[in-house]
Amino acid sequence: MLELNSSNLCIACAAALLGGLWCAKYVFGSRRRLPVPPGPPGHWFFGNQLPKSRAPFKFAELTEEYGPVFSLRQGPRLFVVIGRHQAAMEIMEKEGASLADRPRSIAAAETLSGGMRVVVEGSGDRLRRLRRALHARLQSKVAGTYEPIQVRNAKNVLLDILDDPKNHQMHVKRYAASMIMSITYGKNTPTAYSDPEVVAVNRCLTRFGQVIRPGSYQVDTYPILKYVPGYLSTLRKWHEEELALFEGQLDVVRQQMVEGTAKPCFAKFILEHQKEYSLADKELAYVAGAMFGAGSDTTASAITITMMAAALHREAQTKVQEELDTVIGRDKLPSFDDQEMLPQVTAFMLESMRWRPVSIGGFGHRATKDIIWKDYIIPKGATVIGNHWAIANDPEVFPNPQKFDPQRWFDAEGKIRDDLRFCTYGFGRRICPGQHVANRSIFINTALVLWAFRLSENPAAPIDSFAFSDTANMHAAPFQLVFEPRASEEEIRRLCSDEE
């Protein structure tokens, strides 16, 4: 009887095991049988042709046609594009751990950047080390220590506008370059945007912005092309140029440390903590260079956009200036200490970043496991892109999205909403580590410029608010502004010369 029961038990266990395996196979098979998100039909072998220009706008059109999440195929690569706010939160944020990787980029990441540029580095040990070093000097508490540098350079913007209002875009670029050069390499003297080292860094950024665009280099779709003689020679040359530039900047700080003249800065910090972060010399050079490059490029664009928005939306500008006059008055300049009392400035800044997002198309993420969303599957290995432009114009979250409306950022009590956010700095674990410094720069420049000037459009030269560069981080084409001082020139100069 005992033998029989043991036999039956073995049979029952075997049956349960087989049943479990069958169920697992069925569930897994069902998951795999789920369709990928819909999208436009393409060639049976080559798939879809990715847009070669203005991709975020064309992807936004496909969002209207195919829904909040759609897919494209290029050769063996699957692209999943997200164009609505809720879908972005459900996929890019909730599944952030599975989307922390970057798609393989032979052109921009491996060849042009030598595998050392943080923004396109795949997940893994190197990324963790690079981001740890950046986070150490860019986290919110540390970012606050840079405020005197930002205020000093923002005051220079006011003086530059008084002296030469036609070149307002150049003045903002100078602000960003000088501020980031000081934070990164400890250069305390104002940096001109025309300085050779700044020109060289921005040339590198322009190249990267061109190469990173989806479809720019077919080698990312067909890796075998990397073995074609001469195909990537230009990118290799560019890599050597930018590596030499970044290493040269770091060598200057290294020599200053030997001489005892180095100023506190990010470069000095990472050189002192090189062993702690286990970074090779080339990695140190790139992480510092990337900090300058990314911070200067995006900050200048964002501040320029706030100025454009003010000129085009006078009612919103006036509301900010009324708040500034009430809270700050006319006998002193606004400062970071006033930020909590200036919600209209903050709302204006947030709406500007939504209205014309700097990183307009977002950067690709790579799914490291199958992700189920609704009745679709985003398979492991797919490139997932949160299209910032389409998300910014989601009518369900941002009603009447074409309207510039800072008041959408307030709750019923008149406080800045904590239930609404826009993806200005990216998603999940790949969110930009420099966001705290960038937000401070945009705030202080917005507050100071709108305190000092009333901005308007030149009727003889209307502003085209869609005239931006077709790059990963976009920049406005040259446009004219009229700056009407809201205080006497002598008073503005006096207040800008006051010591902090």
Protein backbone atom coordinates (compact mmCIF):
# COMPACT_ATOMS: atom_id res chain seq x y z
CA MET A 1 0.00 0.00 0.00
CA LEU A 2 2.85 2.34 0.92
CA GLU A 3 4.64 1.41 -2.32
CA LEU A 4 1.47 2.15 -4.31
CA ASN A 5 0.99 5.51 -2.63
CA SER A 6 4.62 6.43 -3.34
CA SER A 7 4.15 5.49 -6.96
CA ASN A 8 0.99 7.57 -7.20
CA LEU A 9 2.76 10.47 -5.53
CA CYS A 10 5.58 10.30 -8.07
CA ILE A 11 3.10 10.22 -10.92
CA ALA A 12 1.21 13.17 -9.42
CA CYS A 13 4.43 15.17 -9.00
CA ALA A 14 5.50 14.40 -12.54
CA ALA A 15 2.09 15.42 -13.83
CA ALA A 16 2.23 18.67 -11.85
CA LEU A 17 5.72 19.40 -13.15
CA LEU A 18 4.70 18.76 -16.76
CA GLY A 19 1.59 20.85 -16.23
CA GLY A 20 3.65 23.68 -14.81
CA LEU A 21 6.05 23.54 -17.73
CA TRP A 22 3.14 23.54 -20.17
CA CYS A 23 1.55 26.52 -18.42
CA ALA A 24 4.86 28.41 -18.43
CA LYS A 25 5.32 27.65 -22.10
CA TYR A 26 1.75 28.75 -22.80
CA VAL A 27 2.11 31.99 -20.85
CA PHE A 28 5.48 32.75 -22.40
CA GLY A 29 4.20 31.87 -25.81
CA SER A 30 1.17 34.08 -25.31
CA ARG A 31 3.40 36.95 -24.32
CA ARG A 32 5.50 36.46 -27.40
CA ARG A 33 2.40 36.21 -29.55
CA LEU A 34 1.23 39.64 -28.48
CA PRO A 35 1.66 42.11 -31.32
CA VAL A 36 4.15 44.95 -31.24
CA PRO A 37 2.52 48.40 -31.25
CA PRO A 38 0.99 49.33 -34.61
CA GLY A 39 2.83 51.43 -37.13
CA PRO A 40 3.12 52.29 -40.80
CA PRO A 41 3.74 49.41 -43.19
CA GLY A 42 7.24 49.05 -44.56
CA HIS A 43 9.27 47.01 -46.99
CA TRP A 44 9.28 43.30 -46.12
CA PHE A 45 13.09 43.28 -45.80
CA PHE A 46 14.28 46.85 -45.25
CA GLY A 47 11.33 47.92 -43.13
CA ASN A 48 10.51 51.62 -42.71
CA GLN A 49 12.63 54.52 -43.79
CA LEU A 50 13.32 56.69 -40.77
CA PRO A 51 12.90 60.43 -41.34
CA LYS A 52 16.17 62.12 -42.21
CA SER A 53 15.01 65.53 -40.99
CA ARG A 54 12.62 66.93 -38.38
CA ALA A 55 12.01 63.43 -37.03
CA PRO A 56 10.21 64.54 -33.80
CA PHE A 57 7.57 66.39 -35.82
CA LYS A 58 7.06 63.50 -38.22
CA PHE A 59 6.88 61.05 -35.32
CA ALA A 60 4.22 63.33 -33.75
CA GLU A 61 2.16 62.97 -36.95
CA LEU A 62 2.45 59.19 -36.69
CA THR A 63 1.27 59.41 -33.07
CA GLU A 64 -1.90 61.10 -34.30
CA GLU A 65 -2.40 58.32 -36.84
CA TYR A 66 -1.35 55.19 -34.94
CA GLY A 67 -1.85 56.07 -31.29
CA PRO A 68 0.23 56.87 -28.19
CA VAL A 69 2.76 54.11 -28.87
CA PHE A 70 3.73 53.04 -32.37
CA SER A 71 6.53 51.02 -33.92
CA LEU A 72 8.84 51.22 -36.91
CA ARG A 73 11.27 48.68 -38.25
CA GLN A 74 14.54 49.38 -39.98
CA GLY A 75 16.21 46.21 -41.12
CA PRO A 76 16.45 43.96 -38.05
CA ARG A 77 15.96 46.87 -35.61
CA LEU A 78 12.61 47.65 -34.01
CA PHE A 79 11.88 51.21 -32.88
CA VAL A 80 9.03 51.91 -30.47
CA VAL A 81 8.08 55.59 -30.22
CA ILE A 82 6.03 56.99 -27.33
CA GLY A 83 4.10 60.16 -27.98
CA ARG A 84 1.72 60.59 -25.07
CA HIS A 85 2.28 61.54 -21.44
CA GLN A 86 0.49 58.66 -19.71
CA ALA A 87 2.14 56.06 -21.91
CA ALA A 88 5.52 57.63 -21.18
CA MET A 89 4.90 57.44 -17.44
CA GLU A 90 3.68 53.84 -17.66
CA ILE A 91 6.52 52.65 -19.85
CA MET A 92 9.54 54.95 -19.48
CA GLU A 93 9.11 55.56 -15.75
CA LYS A 94 7.48 52.43 -14.31
CA GLU A 95 9.64 50.17 -16.47
CA GLY A 96 12.69 52.36 -16.01
CA ALA A 97 14.89 49.52 -14.75
CA SER A 98 14.28 47.63 -17.99
CA LEU A 99 15.01 50.72 -20.09
CA ALA A 100 18.19 51.97 -18.45
CA ASP A 101 20.27 50.67 -21.34
CA ARG A 102 21.03 52.48 -24.57
CA PRO A 103 20.74 50.90 -28.02
CA ARG A 104 24.06 49.98 -29.54
CA SER A 105 25.42 52.98 -31.42
CA ILE A 106 28.47 52.15 -33.50
CA ALA A 107 28.61 55.62 -35.04
CA ALA A 108 27.94 58.05 -32.17
CA ALA A 109 28.88 56.00 -29.09
CA GLU A 110 31.57 53.52 -30.07
CA THR A 111 33.36 55.42 -32.83
CA LEU A 112 32.84 59.15 -32.29
CA SER A 113 32.81 58.92 -28.47
CA GLY A 114 35.14 55.98 -27.95
CA GLY A 115 32.54 54.40 -25.69
CA MET A 116 33.01 57.11 -23.05
CA ARG A 117 30.21 59.65 -23.60
CA VAL A 118 27.76 59.29 -20.71
CA VAL A 119 24.56 60.15 -22.59
CA VAL A 120 24.96 57.25 -25.04
CA GLU A 121 26.85 54.80 -22.83
CA GLY A 122 25.08 51.47 -22.38
CA SER A 123 24.15 50.19 -18.93
CA GLY A 124 26.90 48.47 -17.02
CA ASP A 125 29.86 49.09 -14.78
CA ARG A 126 31.35 51.97 -16.76
CA LEU A 127 28.07 53.87 -16.80
CA ARG A 128 27.67 53.43 -13.05
CA ARG A 129 31.16 54.78 -12.43
CA LEU A 130 30.71 57.76 -14.74
CA ARG A 131 27.32 58.69 -13.33
CA ARG A 132 28.54 58.29 -9.73
CA ALA A 133 31.26 60.85 -10.42
CA LEU A 134 28.80 63.25 -12.05
CA HIS A 135 26.17 62.81 -9.35
CA ALA A 136 28.70 63.60 -6.63
CA ARG A 137 29.05 67.16 -7.94
CA LEU A 138 25.64 67.70 -9.54
CA GLN A 139 23.19 66.49 -6.90
CA SER A 140 20.79 69.11 -5.59
CA LYS A 141 22.68 70.00 -2.39
CA VAL A 142 25.98 70.49 -4.21
CA ALA A 143 24.30 72.31 -7.10
CA GLY A 144 23.29 75.00 -4.64
CA THR A 145 26.95 75.88 -4.07
CA TYR A 146 27.21 77.02 -7.70
CA GLU A 147 24.58 79.73 -7.28
CA PRO A 148 27.07 82.61 -6.79
CA ILE A 149 28.72 81.67 -10.09
CA GLN A 150 25.34 81.59 -11.81
CA VAL A 151 24.22 84.93 -10.35
CA ARG A 152 27.48 86.63 -11.33
CA ASN A 153 27.25 85.43 -14.90
CA ALA A 154 23.51 86.13 -15.15
CA LYS A 155 24.14 89.76 -14.14
CA ASN A 156 26.66 89.94 -16.97
CA VAL A 157 23.85 88.97 -19.35
CA LEU A 158 21.94 92.11 -18.31
CA LEU A 159 25.01 94.27 -18.89
CA ASP A 160 25.67 92.62 -22.24
CA ILE A 161 22.09 93.29 -23.34
CA LEU A 162 22.40 96.96 -22.34
CA ASP A 163 25.58 97.26 -24.39
CA ASP A 164 24.56 95.15 -27.37
CA PRO A 165 20.91 94.04 -27.47
CA LYS A 166 21.12 92.71 -31.03
CA ASN A 167 23.39 89.87 -29.95
CA HIS A 168 21.19 88.59 -27.12
CA GLN A 169 21.55 84.97 -28.24
CA MET A 170 25.33 85.25 -28.15
CA HIS A 171 25.16 86.76 -24.65
CA VAL A 172 23.16 83.78 -23.40
CA LYS A 173 25.65 81.39 -24.98
CA ARG A 174 28.44 83.28 -23.26
CA TYR A 175 26.62 82.93 -19.95
CA ALA A 176 26.33 79.17 -20.35
CA ALA A 177 29.91 78.70 -21.51
CA SER A 178 31.40 80.88 -18.79
CA MET A 179 29.28 79.36 -16.02
CA ILE A 180 30.01 75.77 -17.02
CA MET A 181 33.71 76.47 -17.61
CA SER A 182 33.92 77.82 -14.08
CA ILE A 183 32.08 74.85 -12.55
CA THR A 184 33.93 72.27 -14.63
CA TYR A 185 37.46 73.63 -14.89
CA GLY A 186 37.59 76.42 -12.29
CA LYS A 187 38.01 79.29 -14.75
CA ASN A 188 36.92 82.37 -12.83
CA THR A 189 37.36 84.93 -15.61
CA PRO A 190 34.37 85.41 -17.93
CA THR A 191 34.59 83.12 -20.92
CA ALA A 192 33.72 84.55 -24.32
CA TYR A 193 31.69 82.32 -26.60
CA SER A 194 34.31 83.01 -29.26
CA ASP A 195 37.18 81.66 -27.14
CA PRO A 196 38.98 78.95 -29.14
CA GLU A 197 38.40 76.25 -26.52
CA VAL A 198 34.67 77.01 -26.39
CA VAL A 199 34.46 77.04 -30.18
CA ALA A 200 36.22 73.67 -30.25
CA VAL A 201 33.89 72.12 -27.67
CA ASN A 202 30.81 73.39 -29.48
CA ARG A 203 32.12 72.02 -32.75
CA CYS A 204 32.29 68.61 -31.05
CA LEU A 205 28.72 69.03 -29.79
CA THR A 206 27.45 69.94 -33.25
CA ARG A 207 29.05 66.85 -34.71
CA PHE A 208 27.58 64.63 -32.03
CA GLY A 209 24.11 66.13 -32.53
CA GLN A 210 24.29 65.30 -36.22
CA VAL A 211 25.63 61.76 -35.79
CA ILE A 212 23.20 60.69 -33.03
CA ARG A 213 20.07 61.31 -35.08
CA PRO A 214 18.29 58.02 -35.94
CA GLY A 215 19.19 56.88 -39.43
CA SER A 216 22.21 59.17 -39.81
CA TYR A 217 24.61 56.23 -40.17
CA GLN A 218 23.50 52.93 -41.68
CA VAL A 219 26.20 51.12 -39.72
CA ASP A 220 23.88 51.23 -36.69
CA THR A 221 21.36 49.15 -38.64
CA TYR A 222 23.85 47.00 -40.55
CA PRO A 223 26.92 46.59 -38.29
CA ILE A 224 28.90 44.80 -40.98
CA LEU A 225 29.47 48.21 -42.57
CA LYS A 226 31.98 49.03 -39.83
CA TYR A 227 34.42 46.75 -41.65
CA VAL A 228 34.17 48.69 -44.91
CA PRO A 229 37.54 50.45 -45.32
CA GLY A 230 37.29 54.20 -44.76
CA TYR A 231 33.57 54.19 -43.92
CA LEU A 232 34.05 55.47 -40.35
CA SER A 233 37.34 57.30 -40.89
CA THR A 234 35.80 60.77 -40.42
CA LEU A 235 34.22 59.75 -37.11
CA ARG A 236 37.52 58.28 -35.91
CA LYS A 237 39.29 61.52 -36.76
CA TRP A 238 36.66 63.52 -34.90
CA HIS A 239 37.05 61.25 -31.88
CA GLU A 240 40.79 61.86 -31.73
CA GLU A 241 40.19 65.61 -31.94
CA GLU A 242 37.67 65.75 -29.11
CA LEU A 243 39.67 63.36 -26.92
CA ALA A 244 42.75 65.58 -27.32
CA LEU A 245 40.61 68.63 -26.48
CA PHE A 246 39.14 67.08 -23.33
CA GLU A 247 42.50 65.70 -22.19
CA GLY A 248 44.11 69.11 -22.74
CA GLN A 249 41.55 70.83 -20.52
CA LEU A 250 42.07 68.26 -17.78
CA ASP A 251 45.87 68.53 -18.05
CA VAL A 252 45.64 72.25 -17.29
CA VAL A 253 43.85 71.54 -14.02
CA ARG A 254 46.25 68.70 -13.24
CA GLN A 255 49.20 71.08 -13.63
CA GLN A 256 47.47 73.70 -11.48
CA MET A 257 47.08 71.09 -8.76
CA VAL A 258 50.83 70.42 -8.87
CA GLU A 259 51.47 74.16 -8.60
CA GLY A 260 48.88 74.61 -5.86
CA THR A 261 46.84 77.11 -7.87
CA ALA A 262 43.85 74.93 -8.85
CA LYS A 263 40.45 76.39 -8.01
CA PRO A 264 37.65 74.18 -6.61
CA CYS A 265 35.90 72.62 -9.62
CA PHE A 266 34.60 69.35 -11.00
CA ALA A 267 37.85 68.51 -12.79
CA LYS A 268 39.88 68.95 -9.59
CA PHE A 269 37.39 66.81 -7.69
CA ILE A 270 37.50 63.86 -10.08
CA LEU A 271 41.29 64.00 -10.31
CA GLU A 272 41.48 63.85 -6.51
CA HIS A 273 38.98 60.96 -6.41
CA GLN A 274 40.11 59.07 -9.50
CA LYS A 275 40.82 55.85 -7.62
CA GLU A 276 37.55 56.04 -5.69
CA TYR A 277 35.53 56.12 -8.92
CA SER A 278 37.89 53.72 -10.74
CA LEU A 279 38.10 55.94 -13.80
CA ALA A 280 40.89 55.76 -16.37
CA ASP A 281 42.51 58.98 -17.58
CA LYS A 282 40.50 59.01 -20.82
CA GLU A 283 37.28 58.43 -18.92
CA LEU A 284 38.10 61.37 -16.63
CA ALA A 285 38.69 63.59 -19.63
CA TYR A 286 35.41 62.58 -21.25
CA VAL A 287 33.25 62.88 -18.15
CA ALA A 288 34.51 66.43 -17.57
CA GLY A 289 34.18 67.30 -21.25
CA ALA A 290 30.67 65.90 -21.33
CA MET A 291 29.71 67.98 -18.30
CA PHE A 292 30.82 71.15 -20.03
CA GLY A 293 29.37 70.17 -23.39
CA ALA A 294 25.93 69.09 -22.24
CA GLY A 295 25.55 71.89 -19.70
CA SER A 296 26.56 74.68 -22.03
CA ASP A 297 24.62 73.47 -25.05
CA THR A 298 21.25 72.82 -23.45
CA THR A 299 21.29 75.68 -20.95
CA ALA A 300 21.92 78.32 -23.61
CA SER A 301 19.09 76.98 -25.72
CA ALA A 302 16.62 76.83 -22.82
CA ILE A 303 17.31 80.42 -21.71
CA THR A 304 16.96 81.68 -25.28
CA ILE A 305 13.58 79.94 -25.52
CA THR A 306 12.31 81.71 -22.38
CA MET A 307 13.25 85.05 -23.93
CA MET A 308 11.51 84.17 -27.19
CA ALA A 309 8.42 83.07 -25.25
CA ALA A 310 8.33 86.33 -23.31
CA ALA A 311 8.43 88.41 -26.48
CA LEU A 312 5.71 86.38 -28.19
CA HIS A 313 3.43 86.07 -25.15
CA ARG A 314 3.28 89.52 -23.61
CA GLU A 315 0.38 88.76 -21.28
CA ALA A 316 2.31 85.93 -19.63
CA GLN A 317 5.39 88.14 -19.43
CA THR A 318 3.42 90.90 -17.74
CA LYS A 319 2.07 88.48 -15.13
CA VAL A 320 5.64 87.50 -14.20
CA GLN A 321 6.72 91.15 -14.02
CA GLU A 322 3.80 92.06 -11.78
CA GLU A 323 4.91 89.33 -9.38
CA LEU A 324 8.52 90.51 -9.52
CA ASP A 325 7.49 94.09 -8.77
CA THR A 326 5.28 93.01 -5.87
CA VAL A 327 7.67 90.54 -4.25
CA ILE A 328 11.08 92.00 -5.14
CA GLY A 329 10.35 95.66 -5.77
CA ARG A 330 12.42 97.97 -7.94
CA ASP A 331 15.35 98.66 -5.62
CA LYS A 332 17.03 95.26 -5.77
CA LEU A 333 17.48 92.32 -8.12
CA PRO A 334 15.80 88.93 -7.59
CA SER A 335 17.98 86.16 -6.20
CA PHE A 336 17.80 82.46 -5.50
CA ASP A 337 16.60 83.25 -1.99
CA ASP A 338 13.41 84.63 -3.54
CA GLN A 339 12.55 81.56 -5.63
CA GLU A 340 9.85 80.14 -3.39
CA MET A 341 8.08 83.50 -3.43
CA LEU A 342 8.18 83.70 -7.24
CA PRO A 343 5.93 80.87 -8.49
CA GLN A 344 5.03 82.82 -11.65
CA VAL A 345 8.70 82.84 -12.65
CA THR A 346 8.88 79.09 -12.05
CA ALA A 347 5.66 78.44 -13.98
CA PHE A 348 6.89 80.58 -16.89
CA MET A 349 10.13 78.59 -16.93
CA LEU A 350 8.29 75.23 -16.87
CA GLU A 351 5.93 76.26 -19.65
CA SER A 352 8.82 77.47 -21.79
CA MET A 353 10.49 74.07 -21.51
CA ARG A 354 7.24 72.37 -22.51
CA TRP A 355 6.40 74.83 -25.29
CA ARG A 356 9.72 74.30 -27.12
CA PRO A 357 11.59 71.37 -25.53
CA VAL A 358 15.35 71.58 -26.03
CA SER A 359 15.93 67.82 -26.40
CA ILE A 360 12.99 67.75 -28.73
CA GLY A 361 13.05 64.11 -29.78
CA GLY A 362 14.56 62.47 -26.70
CA PHE A 363 17.26 59.81 -26.73
CA GLY A 364 16.79 56.13 -27.42
CA HIS A 365 16.58 53.51 -24.65
CA ARG A 366 17.10 49.79 -25.12
CA ALA A 367 14.65 47.31 -23.59
CA THR A 368 16.55 44.63 -21.67
CA LYS A 369 13.46 42.46 -21.25
CA ASP A 370 10.01 42.09 -22.81
CA ILE A 371 7.70 44.89 -21.66
CA ILE A 372 3.94 44.41 -21.82
CA TRP A 373 1.89 47.56 -22.31
CA LYS A 374 -1.87 47.31 -22.84
CA ASP A 375 -2.28 44.49 -25.37
CA TYR A 376 1.11 45.00 -26.98
CA ILE A 377 4.63 43.79 -26.39
CA ILE A 378 7.79 45.85 -26.55
CA PRO A 379 10.26 43.04 -27.10
CA LYS A 380 13.66 42.76 -25.52
CA GLY A 381 16.23 44.55 -27.66
CA ALA A 382 13.82 47.15 -29.06
CA THR A 383 14.88 50.79 -29.16
CA VAL A 384 12.34 52.84 -27.19
CA ILE A 385 12.12 56.60 -27.78
CA GLY A 386 10.08 59.05 -25.73
CA ASN A 387 9.28 61.77 -28.28
CA HIS A 388 9.42 64.93 -26.18
CA TRP A 389 7.69 67.05 -28.81
CA ALA A 390 4.63 64.82 -29.08
CA ILE A 391 4.43 64.34 -25.30
CA ALA A 392 4.62 68.11 -24.79
CA ASN A 393 1.62 68.48 -27.08
CA ASP A 394 -0.53 65.78 -25.48
CA PRO A 395 -3.96 67.47 -25.35
CA GLU A 396 -5.22 65.26 -22.52
CA VAL A 397 -2.50 66.40 -20.12
CA PHE A 398 -1.75 69.82 -21.59
CA PRO A 399 -5.12 71.14 -22.86
CA ASN A 400 -4.82 73.44 -25.85
CA PRO A 401 -1.12 72.52 -26.07
CA GLN A 402 -0.27 75.08 -28.76
CA LYS A 403 -1.15 77.86 -26.30
CA PHE A 404 1.65 79.20 -24.13
CA ASP A 405 -0.04 79.04 -20.72
CA PRO A 406 2.13 79.12 -17.57
CA GLN A 407 -1.03 78.99 -15.43
CA ARG A 408 -1.46 75.31 -16.32
CA TRP A 409 1.32 74.59 -13.81
CA PHE A 410 -0.68 75.88 -10.81
CA ASP A 411 -3.03 73.89 -8.59
CA ALA A 412 -6.27 75.20 -7.13
CA GLU A 413 -4.37 76.76 -4.21
CA GLY A 414 -2.06 78.72 -6.47
CA LYS A 415 0.95 76.50 -5.83
CA ILE A 416 3.14 74.84 -8.43
CA ARG A 417 1.59 71.46 -9.15
CA ASP A 418 3.41 68.40 -7.85
CA ASP A 419 1.26 65.99 -9.88
CA LEU A 420 2.46 67.21 -13.28
CA ARG A 421 5.85 66.93 -14.83
CA PHE A 422 7.32 67.11 -18.28
CA CYS A 423 10.17 64.97 -19.56
CA THR A 424 12.61 67.84 -20.18
CA TYR A 425 15.52 65.93 -18.69
CA GLY A 426 14.63 62.44 -19.88
CA PHE A 427 13.24 59.41 -18.13
CA GLY A 428 13.88 56.89 -15.39
CA ARG A 429 17.44 55.98 -14.55
CA ARG A 430 18.78 57.91 -17.54
CA ILE A 431 17.47 61.27 -16.39
CA CYS A 432 20.01 64.06 -16.90
CA PRO A 433 22.26 64.33 -13.81
CA GLY A 434 22.73 68.06 -14.45
CA GLN A 435 19.06 68.98 -14.10
CA HIS A 436 19.49 70.78 -10.76
CA VAL A 437 22.19 73.10 -12.12
CA ALA A 438 20.26 73.68 -15.34
CA ASN A 439 17.01 74.57 -13.55
CA ARG A 440 18.84 77.11 -11.41
CA SER A 441 20.39 78.71 -14.49
CA ILE A 442 17.06 79.01 -16.29
CA PHE A 443 15.34 80.41 -13.20
CA ILE A 444 17.87 83.11 -12.36
CA ASN A 445 18.20 84.29 -15.96
CA THR A 446 14.43 84.39 -16.45
CA ALA A 447 13.95 86.34 -13.22
CA LEU A 448 16.73 88.85 -13.90
CA VAL A 449 15.94 89.49 -17.55
CA LEU A 450 12.21 89.99 -16.94
CA TRP A 451 12.93 92.19 -13.91
CA ALA A 452 15.22 94.41 -15.98
CA PHE A 453 13.56 94.46 -19.40
CA ARG A 454 10.24 94.34 -21.18
CA LEU A 455 10.75 92.07 -24.18
CA SER A 456 8.85 92.40 -27.45
CA GLU A 457 8.97 91.36 -31.07
CA ASN A 458 10.39 93.67 -33.72
CA PRO A 459 7.39 94.30 -36.03
CA ALA A 460 9.78 94.56 -38.96
CA ALA A 461 11.27 91.12 -38.23
CA PRO A 462 8.60 88.69 -36.95
CA ILE A 463 9.88 85.74 -34.92
CA ASP A 464 9.46 82.27 -36.38
CA SER A 465 8.99 80.18 -33.25
CA PHE A 466 9.56 76.98 -35.23
CA ALA A 467 12.90 78.01 -36.71
CA PHE A 468 15.25 75.73 -34.80
CA SER A 469 18.23 73.60 -35.74
CA ASP A 470 17.53 70.01 -36.69
CA THR A 471 19.80 68.51 -34.03
CA ALA A 472 19.38 66.34 -30.95
CA ASN A 473 19.51 69.45 -28.76
CA MET A 474 17.90 72.21 -30.80
CA HIS A 475 18.87 75.88 -31.01
CA ALA A 476 16.80 78.79 -32.24
CA ALA A 477 17.75 80.41 -35.51
CA PRO A 478 18.81 84.06 -35.12
CA PHE A 479 15.86 86.28 -34.20
CA GLN A 480 15.42 89.90 -33.16
CA LEU A 481 14.12 91.18 -29.83
CA VAL A 482 13.31 94.64 -28.55
CA PHE A 483 14.53 95.20 -24.97
CA GLU A 484 12.83 98.08 -23.15
CA PRO A 485 14.56 98.73 -19.79
CA ARG A 486 12.16 98.67 -16.84
CA ALA A 487 14.61 100.70 -14.78
CA SER A 488 17.19 103.31 -15.72
CA GLU A 489 20.34 102.00 -17.34
CA GLU A 490 22.37 103.51 -14.49
CA GLU A 491 20.26 101.67 -11.90
CA ILE A 492 20.59 98.31 -13.67
CA ARG A 493 24.36 98.75 -13.93
CA ARG A 494 24.60 99.76 -10.27
CA LEU A 495 22.63 96.74 -9.07
CA CYS A 496 24.62 94.39 -11.30
CA SER A 497 27.86 95.72 -9.85
CA ASP A 498 26.79 95.14 -6.24
CA GLU A 499 28.71 92.37 -4.51
CA GLU A 500 26.77 89.28 -3.48
